[in-house]
Amino acid sequence: MPQVFATAYMIGLMEWACMEALQPHMEEGEISLGTRICVSHSAATPPGMKVKVKVS
């Protein structure tokens, strides 16, 4: 694999951010499940660059 932030990792990070944002609003034992994703990954992120995820 190339030394970049691959799209699959980006999607995983997005999923994690959403789970963290939803967690305070869910009852014990509840989970969230994504059913569709439509994203554009328009540029590579080389090692050393920062990636920021904001959930709104």
N, C-alpha and C. Protein backbone atom coordinates (compact mmCIF):
# COMPACT_ATOMS: atom_id res chain seq x y z
N MET A 1 0.83 -1.19 0.00
CA MET A 1 0.00 0.00 0.00
C MET A 1 0.88 1.25 0.00
N PRO A 2 0.47 2.27 -0.72
CA PRO A 2 1.23 3.53 -0.69
C PRO A 2 1.14 4.19 0.69
N GLN A 3 2.13 4.96 1.04
CA GLN A 3 2.17 5.64 2.32
C GLN A 3 1.31 6.91 2.29
N VAL A 4 0.01 6.73 2.15
CA VAL A 4 -0.95 7.84 2.15
C VAL A 4 -2.15 7.43 2.99
N PHE A 5 -3.01 8.39 3.29
CA PHE A 5 -4.25 8.13 4.03
C PHE A 5 -5.27 7.62 3.02
N ALA A 6 -5.40 6.31 2.92
CA ALA A 6 -6.24 5.67 1.91
C ALA A 6 -7.73 5.93 2.18
N THR A 7 -8.51 5.86 1.12
CA THR A 7 -9.95 6.11 1.22
C THR A 7 -10.62 5.20 2.24
N ALA A 8 -10.26 3.95 2.28
CA ALA A 8 -10.86 3.02 3.24
C ALA A 8 -10.60 3.48 4.68
N TYR A 9 -9.43 3.98 4.97
CA TYR A 9 -9.12 4.50 6.30
C TYR A 9 -9.91 5.77 6.58
N MET A 10 -10.08 6.61 5.57
CA MET A 10 -10.85 7.83 5.72
C MET A 10 -12.29 7.50 6.11
N ILE A 11 -12.87 6.52 5.44
CA ILE A 11 -14.25 6.12 5.75
C ILE A 11 -14.33 5.54 7.16
N GLY A 12 -13.35 4.75 7.55
CA GLY A 12 -13.33 4.22 8.91
C GLY A 12 -13.26 5.33 9.95
N LEU A 13 -12.46 6.35 9.69
CA LEU A 13 -12.35 7.49 10.61
C LEU A 13 -13.67 8.25 10.68
N MET A 14 -14.33 8.41 9.55
CA MET A 14 -15.64 9.07 9.53
C MET A 14 -16.66 8.27 10.34
N GLU A 15 -16.66 6.96 10.19
CA GLU A 15 -17.58 6.10 10.95
C GLU A 15 -17.30 6.23 12.44
N TRP A 16 -16.04 6.22 12.82
CA TRP A 16 -15.67 6.34 14.23
C TRP A 16 -16.14 7.68 14.80
N ALA A 17 -15.94 8.76 14.05
CA ALA A 17 -16.36 10.08 14.51
C ALA A 17 -17.87 10.13 14.71
N CYS A 18 -18.61 9.53 13.81
CA CYS A 18 -20.07 9.50 13.94
C CYS A 18 -20.49 8.69 15.15
N MET A 19 -19.86 7.55 15.38
CA MET A 19 -20.20 6.74 16.55
C MET A 19 -19.93 7.51 17.84
N GLU A 20 -18.80 8.21 17.90
CA GLU A 20 -18.47 8.99 19.08
C GLU A 20 -19.48 10.12 19.30
N ALA A 21 -19.91 10.76 18.21
CA ALA A 21 -20.87 11.85 18.33
C ALA A 21 -22.25 11.36 18.77
N LEU A 22 -22.63 10.17 18.34
CA LEU A 22 -23.95 9.63 18.68
C LEU A 22 -24.01 9.00 20.06
N GLN A 23 -22.89 8.52 20.55
CA GLN A 23 -22.83 7.75 21.79
C GLN A 23 -23.56 8.41 22.96
N PRO A 24 -23.41 9.71 23.21
CA PRO A 24 -24.09 10.32 24.35
C PRO A 24 -25.62 10.33 24.22
N HIS A 25 -26.13 10.12 23.04
CA HIS A 25 -27.57 10.20 22.78
C HIS A 25 -28.24 8.82 22.71
N MET A 26 -27.48 7.77 22.91
CA MET A 26 -28.03 6.42 22.79
C MET A 26 -28.11 5.74 24.15
N GLU A 27 -29.07 4.84 24.27
CA GLU A 27 -29.23 4.05 25.48
C GLU A 27 -28.16 2.94 25.51
N GLU A 28 -27.90 2.41 26.68
CA GLU A 28 -26.95 1.30 26.81
C GLU A 28 -27.38 0.15 25.91
N GLY A 29 -26.45 -0.39 25.15
CA GLY A 29 -26.74 -1.52 24.26
C GLY A 29 -27.18 -1.10 22.86
N GLU A 30 -27.52 0.17 22.67
CA GLU A 30 -27.91 0.64 21.34
C GLU A 30 -26.66 0.86 20.48
N ILE A 31 -26.82 0.69 19.19
CA ILE A 31 -25.74 0.96 18.25
C ILE A 31 -26.30 1.75 17.08
N SER A 32 -25.41 2.28 16.28
CA SER A 32 -25.78 2.98 15.06
C SER A 32 -25.21 2.19 13.89
N LEU A 33 -25.93 2.19 12.81
CA LEU A 33 -25.49 1.43 11.65
C LEU A 33 -25.65 2.27 10.40
N GLY A 34 -24.57 2.49 9.68
CA GLY A 34 -24.65 3.22 8.42
C GLY A 34 -25.13 2.30 7.31
N THR A 35 -25.90 2.84 6.40
CA THR A 35 -26.42 2.04 5.30
C THR A 35 -26.00 2.56 3.94
N ARG A 36 -25.46 3.76 3.90
CA ARG A 36 -25.05 4.33 2.61
C ARG A 36 -24.00 5.40 2.86
N ILE A 37 -23.05 5.50 1.95
CA ILE A 37 -22.03 6.54 2.05
C ILE A 37 -21.72 7.03 0.63
N CYS A 38 -21.61 8.32 0.50
CA CYS A 38 -21.27 8.94 -0.78
C CYS A 38 -20.23 10.01 -0.48
N VAL A 39 -18.98 9.72 -0.77
CA VAL A 39 -17.90 10.65 -0.46
C VAL A 39 -17.01 10.84 -1.68
N SER A 40 -16.25 11.90 -1.62
CA SER A 40 -15.24 12.15 -2.63
C SER A 40 -13.91 12.32 -1.90
N HIS A 41 -12.93 11.56 -2.30
CA HIS A 41 -11.59 11.65 -1.71
C HIS A 41 -10.71 12.25 -2.81
N SER A 42 -10.58 13.56 -2.78
CA SER A 42 -10.01 14.27 -3.93
C SER A 42 -8.50 14.48 -3.88
N ALA A 43 -7.85 14.17 -2.75
CA ALA A 43 -6.40 14.36 -2.69
C ALA A 43 -5.79 13.40 -1.68
N ALA A 44 -4.58 13.01 -1.94
CA ALA A 44 -3.86 12.14 -1.01
C ALA A 44 -3.38 12.92 0.20
N THR A 45 -3.23 12.23 1.32
CA THR A 45 -2.71 12.83 2.54
C THR A 45 -1.42 12.11 2.90
N PRO A 46 -0.28 12.71 2.59
CA PRO A 46 1.01 12.07 2.88
C PRO A 46 1.27 11.97 4.38
N PRO A 47 2.19 11.10 4.78
CA PRO A 47 2.57 10.98 6.19
C PRO A 47 2.98 12.33 6.76
N GLY A 48 2.59 12.59 8.00
CA GLY A 48 2.93 13.83 8.68
C GLY A 48 1.86 14.90 8.58
N MET A 49 0.96 14.79 7.63
CA MET A 49 -0.12 15.76 7.52
C MET A 49 -1.23 15.38 8.51
N LYS A 50 -1.97 16.36 8.98
CA LYS A 50 -3.06 16.11 9.92
C LYS A 50 -4.38 16.00 9.18
N VAL A 51 -5.26 15.17 9.71
CA VAL A 51 -6.61 15.02 9.17
C VAL A 51 -7.56 15.35 10.30
N LYS A 52 -8.53 16.21 10.03
CA LYS A 52 -9.50 16.62 11.04
C LYS A 52 -10.89 16.18 10.60
N VAL A 53 -11.64 15.58 11.53
CA VAL A 53 -13.00 15.13 11.25
C VAL A 53 -13.93 15.96 12.13
N LYS A 54 -14.95 16.55 11.51
CA LYS A 54 -15.93 17.33 12.25
C LYS A 54 -17.32 16.76 11.96
N VAL A 55 -18.03 16.42 13.01
CA VAL A 55 -19.38 15.88 12.88
C VAL A 55 -20.35 16.99 13.24
N SER A 56 -21.31 17.23 12.36
CA SER A 56 -22.30 18.28 12.68
C SER A 56 -23.70 17.78 12.47
